[in-house]
Amino acid sequence: MSDTGRENRRRHDASLGKRQSRQAREGGAWRRDERLERLAAAAAQGHRLSPSERIQLGFYNNGKAAAEAEGLDVTGGN
């Protein structure tokens, strides 16, 4: 790996660590969003989503899966 590649990797790792630290301080990164839950249900029924909606839903679902893997309740129940 070139010196430039190593430096870019170091910067990426540093920014990732900062983001994870901020998320830990804020009590977790994932919060249930009813609008996105409705959007996911509509997509499951075959409704077309705009590109930005697909991207938002992808990030939301990735966060939801990570929260579930950490043992957090992602069902919305109290």
Protein backbone atom coordinates (compact mmCIF):
# COMPACT_ATOMS: atom_id res chain seq x y z
CA MET A 1 0.00 0.00 0.00
CA SER A 2 1.33 3.44 -0.87
CA ASP A 3 1.99 6.11 1.73
CA THR A 4 -1.05 8.01 0.44
CA GLY A 5 -3.23 4.92 0.84
CA ARG A 6 -2.00 4.38 4.39
CA GLU A 7 -2.66 8.01 5.29
CA ASN A 8 -6.17 7.87 3.83
CA ARG A 9 -6.86 4.66 5.77
CA ARG A 10 -5.59 6.29 8.99
CA ARG A 11 -7.88 9.28 8.45
CA HIS A 12 -10.85 7.02 7.75
CA ASP A 13 -10.18 4.96 10.89
CA ALA A 14 -9.85 8.13 12.98
CA SER A 15 -13.13 9.56 11.70
CA LEU A 16 -14.87 6.22 12.27
CA GLY A 17 -13.64 6.18 15.86
CA LYS A 18 -14.90 9.72 16.46
CA ARG A 19 -18.30 8.85 15.02
CA GLN A 20 -18.58 5.72 17.17
CA SER A 21 -17.54 7.68 20.27
CA ARG A 22 -20.16 10.36 19.56
CA GLN A 23 -22.83 7.70 19.09
CA ALA A 24 -21.86 6.05 22.38
CA ARG A 25 -22.11 9.39 24.21
CA GLU A 26 -25.50 10.06 22.67
CA GLY A 27 -26.86 6.75 23.89
CA GLY A 28 -26.85 4.87 20.60
CA ALA A 29 -27.22 5.76 16.99
CA TRP A 30 -30.50 4.12 16.09
CA ARG A 31 -33.92 5.48 16.96
CA ARG A 32 -37.21 4.13 15.67
CA ASP A 33 -38.74 6.33 12.99
CA GLU A 34 -42.42 5.70 12.24
CA ARG A 35 -42.20 7.45 8.88
CA LEU A 36 -39.43 5.10 7.76
CA GLU A 37 -41.29 2.10 9.18
CA ARG A 38 -44.31 3.06 7.03
CA LEU A 39 -42.01 3.53 4.05
CA ALA A 40 -40.54 0.05 4.60
CA ALA A 41 -44.03 -1.44 4.76
CA ALA A 42 -45.01 0.32 1.53
CA ALA A 43 -41.86 -0.94 -0.20
CA ALA A 44 -42.62 -4.48 0.99
CA GLN A 45 -46.03 -4.19 -0.66
CA GLY A 46 -44.40 -3.31 -3.97
CA HIS A 47 -44.67 0.48 -3.96
CA ARG A 48 -41.91 2.26 -5.84
CA LEU A 49 -39.52 4.40 -3.83
CA SER A 50 -37.50 7.36 -5.00
CA PRO A 51 -33.72 6.96 -4.97
CA SER A 52 -33.39 9.16 -1.88
CA GLU A 53 -36.08 7.15 -0.07
CA ARG A 54 -34.25 3.91 -0.91
CA ILE A 55 -31.00 5.34 0.43
CA GLN A 56 -32.66 6.57 3.64
CA LEU A 57 -34.38 3.24 4.12
CA GLY A 58 -31.12 1.37 3.53
CA PHE A 59 -29.29 3.37 6.20
CA TYR A 60 -32.24 3.01 8.56
CA ASN A 61 -32.42 -0.77 8.07
CA ASN A 62 -28.66 -1.15 8.56
CA GLY A 63 -28.87 0.80 11.82
CA LYS A 64 -31.87 -1.22 12.90
CA ALA A 65 -30.05 -4.50 12.22
CA ALA A 66 -27.02 -3.29 14.18
CA ALA A 67 -29.20 -2.21 17.11
CA GLU A 68 -30.94 -5.57 17.09
CA ALA A 69 -27.56 -7.34 17.05
CA GLU A 70 -26.63 -5.31 20.15
CA GLY A 71 -29.75 -6.56 21.90
CA LEU A 72 -31.79 -3.36 21.70
CA ASP A 73 -35.57 -3.50 21.29
CA VAL A 74 -36.34 -2.48 17.71
CA THR A 75 -40.02 -3.45 17.72
CA GLY A 76 -41.26 -0.13 19.07
CA GLY A 77 -42.93 -1.73 22.07
CA ASN A 78 -42.66 -0.24 25.51
